[in-house]
Protein backbone atom coordinates (compact mmCIF):
# COMPACT_ATOMS: atom_id res chain seq x y z
CA UNK A 1 122.95 137.26 262.34
CA UNK A 2 124.44 138.99 265.31
CA UNK A 3 128.20 139.09 265.31
CA UNK A 4 130.65 138.97 268.19
CA UNK A 5 132.68 142.06 268.58
CA UNK A 6 136.41 141.82 268.88
CA UNK A 7 136.42 142.25 272.57
CA UNK A 8 134.42 139.11 272.94
CA UNK A 9 136.69 137.26 270.59
CA UNK A 10 139.69 138.14 272.68
CA UNK A 11 137.91 136.63 275.62
CA UNK A 12 138.17 133.23 273.84
CA UNK A 13 134.98 133.01 271.78
CA UNK A 14 135.91 131.79 268.24
CA UNK A 15 132.84 130.40 266.51
CA UNK A 16 132.13 129.08 263.11
CA UNK A 17 129.27 131.54 262.57
CA UNK A 18 131.26 134.64 263.64
CA UNK A 19 128.29 135.46 265.80
CA UNK A 20 127.93 132.77 268.37
CA UNK A 21 124.78 131.04 267.07
CA UNK A 22 124.22 127.68 268.55
CA UNK A 23 123.52 125.85 265.31
CA UNK A 24 125.77 122.95 264.27
CA UNK A 25 128.64 123.80 261.95
CA UNK A 26 127.41 121.02 259.71
CA UNK A 27 124.25 122.47 258.16
CA UNK A 28 122.51 119.47 259.55
CA UNK A 29 122.25 119.54 263.36
CA UNK A 30 121.43 115.81 263.45
CA UNK A 31 124.68 114.90 261.61
CA UNK A 32 127.13 114.81 264.44
CA UNK A 33 129.66 112.63 262.78
CA UNK A 34 130.44 110.94 259.51
CA UNK A 35 128.86 107.56 258.80
CA UNK A 36 132.19 105.74 258.89
CA UNK A 37 134.52 108.49 259.95
CA UNK A 38 137.21 110.11 257.89
CA UNK A 39 140.48 108.29 257.41
CA UNK A 40 143.11 109.14 260.01
CA UNK A 41 146.52 110.57 259.17
CA UNK A 42 149.47 108.20 259.56
CA UNK A 43 151.56 109.47 262.41
CA UNK A 44 154.72 108.29 260.72
CA UNK A 45 154.16 110.51 257.62
CA UNK A 46 154.39 114.25 256.87
CA UNK A 47 151.44 115.98 255.25
CA UNK A 48 151.71 119.45 253.80
CA UNK A 49 148.61 121.31 252.62
CA UNK A 50 149.12 124.06 250.02
CA UNK A 51 146.51 126.67 250.27
CA UNK A 52 146.29 128.57 246.92
CA UNK A 53 144.48 131.92 247.11
CA UNK A 54 144.10 135.04 245.03
CA UNK A 55 146.49 136.73 247.36
CA UNK A 56 149.21 134.06 246.99
CA UNK A 57 149.96 130.59 248.38
CA UNK A 58 150.82 129.39 251.80
CA UNK A 59 151.49 125.91 253.32
CA UNK A 60 150.24 124.22 256.46
CA UNK A 61 152.09 121.25 257.81
CA UNK A 62 149.49 119.07 259.39
CA UNK A 63 150.07 117.42 262.81
CA UNK A 64 149.39 113.72 262.35
CA UNK A 65 150.67 112.80 265.75
CA UNK A 66 148.51 115.14 267.80
CA UNK A 67 145.52 115.53 265.34
CA UNK A 68 145.15 112.42 263.18
CA UNK A 69 141.38 112.59 263.05
CA UNK A 70 141.09 116.31 262.50
CA UNK A 71 143.81 116.22 259.88
CA UNK A 72 142.30 113.16 258.21
CA UNK A 73 138.93 114.90 257.85
CA UNK A 74 140.60 118.02 256.45
CA UNK A 75 142.65 116.02 253.99
CA UNK A 76 139.56 114.02 252.88
CA UNK A 77 137.69 117.26 252.20
CA UNK A 78 140.58 118.81 250.35
CA UNK A 79 141.11 115.65 248.27
CA UNK A 80 137.45 115.89 247.14
CA UNK A 81 137.89 119.56 246.14
CA UNK A 82 135.60 120.75 248.86
CA UNK A 83 137.60 123.90 249.54
CA UNK A 84 137.97 124.86 245.86
CA UNK A 85 136.45 128.35 245.22
CA UNK A 86 135.54 128.98 248.87
CA UNK A 87 136.76 132.09 250.71
CA UNK A 88 138.29 133.52 253.82
CA UNK A 89 135.01 134.99 254.95
CA UNK A 90 136.17 136.40 258.22
CA UNK A 91 139.26 138.47 258.92
CA UNK A 92 140.06 140.02 262.24
CA UNK A 93 143.29 142.03 262.16
CA UNK A 94 145.72 140.94 264.78
CA UNK A 95 143.71 137.81 265.64
CA UNK A 96 142.72 135.30 262.92
CA UNK A 97 141.80 134.72 259.33
CA UNK A 98 138.97 132.17 258.97
CA UNK A 99 137.79 130.21 255.94
CA UNK A 100 136.34 126.97 254.69
CA UNK A 101 132.67 127.66 254.76
CA UNK A 102 130.66 126.63 251.72
CA UNK A 103 127.93 129.24 252.61
CA UNK A 104 130.56 132.01 252.82
CA UNK A 105 129.09 133.56 255.94
CA UNK A 106 130.27 131.36 258.78
CA UNK A 107 127.12 129.21 258.98
CA UNK A 108 128.12 126.25 256.77
CA UNK A 109 130.03 122.95 256.88
CA UNK A 110 130.54 119.66 255.20
CA UNK A 111 127.37 118.01 256.59
CA UNK A 112 129.22 116.27 259.37
CA UNK A 113 131.51 116.92 262.27
CA UNK A 114 134.31 115.11 264.09
CA UNK A 115 135.62 115.54 267.58
CA UNK A 116 139.21 115.39 268.64
CA UNK A 117 140.37 117.13 271.82
CA UNK A 118 143.33 119.47 271.24
CA UNK A 119 146.60 118.67 273.09
CA UNK A 120 146.58 119.57 276.76
CA UNK A 121 147.68 123.10 277.26
CA UNK A 122 147.45 123.97 273.47
CA UNK A 123 148.41 127.55 272.72
CA UNK A 124 147.05 129.43 269.73
CA UNK A 125 150.07 131.40 268.77
CA UNK A 126 151.03 133.00 265.38
CA UNK A 127 150.86 130.55 262.51
CA UNK A 128 148.89 127.86 264.40
CA UNK A 129 145.96 126.51 262.37
CA UNK A 130 142.94 125.13 264.13
CA UNK A 131 139.35 124.43 263.44
CA UNK A 132 136.46 126.75 264.21
CA UNK A 133 133.29 125.67 266.07
CA UNK A 134 130.14 127.13 267.56
CA UNK A 135 129.86 127.98 271.21
CA UNK A 136 127.40 125.17 271.78
CA UNK A 137 129.74 122.42 270.44
CA UNK A 138 132.09 120.39 272.55
CA UNK A 139 135.78 121.16 272.71
CA UNK A 140 137.59 119.72 269.71
CA UNK A 141 134.58 119.63 267.38
CA UNK A 142 135.17 120.51 263.80
CA UNK A 143 133.57 120.60 260.42
CA UNK A 144 135.24 122.29 257.51
CA UNK A 145 135.93 125.76 258.78
CA UNK A 146 139.48 126.51 259.86
CA UNK A 147 141.41 129.57 261.15
CA UNK A 148 145.00 130.72 261.04
CA UNK A 149 146.16 132.69 264.03
CA UNK A 150 147.77 135.98 263.12
CA UNK A 151 148.21 137.34 266.67
CA UNK A 152 151.38 136.60 268.54
CA UNK A 153 149.12 134.82 271.09
CA UNK A 154 145.34 134.75 270.45
CA UNK A 155 144.75 133.89 274.13
CA UNK A 156 142.13 131.32 273.34
CA UNK A 157 141.18 128.51 275.65
CA UNK A 158 142.24 125.02 274.46
CA UNK A 159 138.87 124.31 272.91
CA UNK A 160 139.64 124.33 269.21
CA UNK A 161 140.88 121.26 267.35
CA UNK A 162 144.43 121.49 266.22
CA UNK A 163 145.18 121.13 262.54
CA UNK A 164 148.79 122.10 262.16
CA UNK A 165 150.96 125.17 261.60
CA UNK A 166 151.89 127.46 258.73
CA UNK A 167 155.43 126.56 257.64
CA UNK A 168 155.70 128.46 254.38
CA UNK A 169 154.10 131.61 252.97
CA UNK A 170 153.59 133.39 256.21
CA UNK A 171 153.80 136.70 254.34
CA UNK A 172 150.75 135.64 252.36
CA UNK A 173 148.86 135.08 255.54
CA UNK A 174 149.87 138.45 256.82
CA UNK A 175 148.77 140.05 253.55
CA UNK A 176 145.40 138.46 253.84
CA UNK A 177 145.07 139.62 257.42
CA UNK A 178 145.56 143.19 256.27
CA UNK A 179 142.74 143.34 253.67
CA UNK A 180 140.00 145.88 254.33
CA UNK A 181 136.94 144.46 256.01
CA UNK A 182 133.46 145.48 257.00
CA UNK A 183 133.82 146.25 260.70
CA UNK A 184 130.40 144.88 261.46
CA UNK A 185 130.58 141.60 259.66
CA UNK A 186 134.39 141.08 259.64
CA UNK A 187 134.00 140.05 255.99
CA UNK A 188 136.51 141.30 253.39
CA UNK A 189 135.21 144.11 251.20
CA UNK A 190 136.78 142.25 248.25
CA UNK A 191 136.63 138.44 248.26
CA UNK A 192 139.81 136.49 249.36
CA UNK A 193 139.23 133.34 247.32
CA UNK A 194 140.71 129.82 247.99
CA UNK A 195 141.50 128.48 244.53
CA UNK A 196 142.34 125.04 245.96
CA UNK A 197 143.86 123.13 248.89
CA UNK A 198 146.08 120.28 247.95
CA UNK A 199 147.48 117.97 250.63
CA UNK A 200 150.64 116.03 249.79
CA UNK A 201 152.70 113.43 251.57
CA UNK A 202 156.29 114.53 251.92
């Protein structure tokens, strides 16, 4: 699969497949949404996702007010153990780390997608966590793949569904962002594995 070079990424093209293919992030192009939809997060509650990796743990505080649908889907997948043993398959230094693909190469997803437009004027600054999508998908579309911004400002357009922000373990994210990668595929030379993602109400 052809891969976008970093220059293209900085122009605002962040895609689930790391290469701009137009296939759905769901593995099943006809499955555009879940049958009944994932449960929404309660805007009055606080949800913290602990991402345990072989490089250490970090926490994402989800945004139930601005992203109840996206967060609800993410929590539902995490609660089912979907993310256990997956990887950060794509690491672009000074830009993002991306994971959550069951295929491990940027082409997979949970078998469905949800759509929730990000907040108007959304900025993708350091620590912001959002959902990846293909170029062909509508703004705010997401499956299971997510990315953590490691740039001070990734300069992306507001097309990527907001999930939340890293609120603890930023040093671990930085550590992951510095692992050696294949410059062609952007894949780590040694796997960065997600042991589990647990979402708790605080």
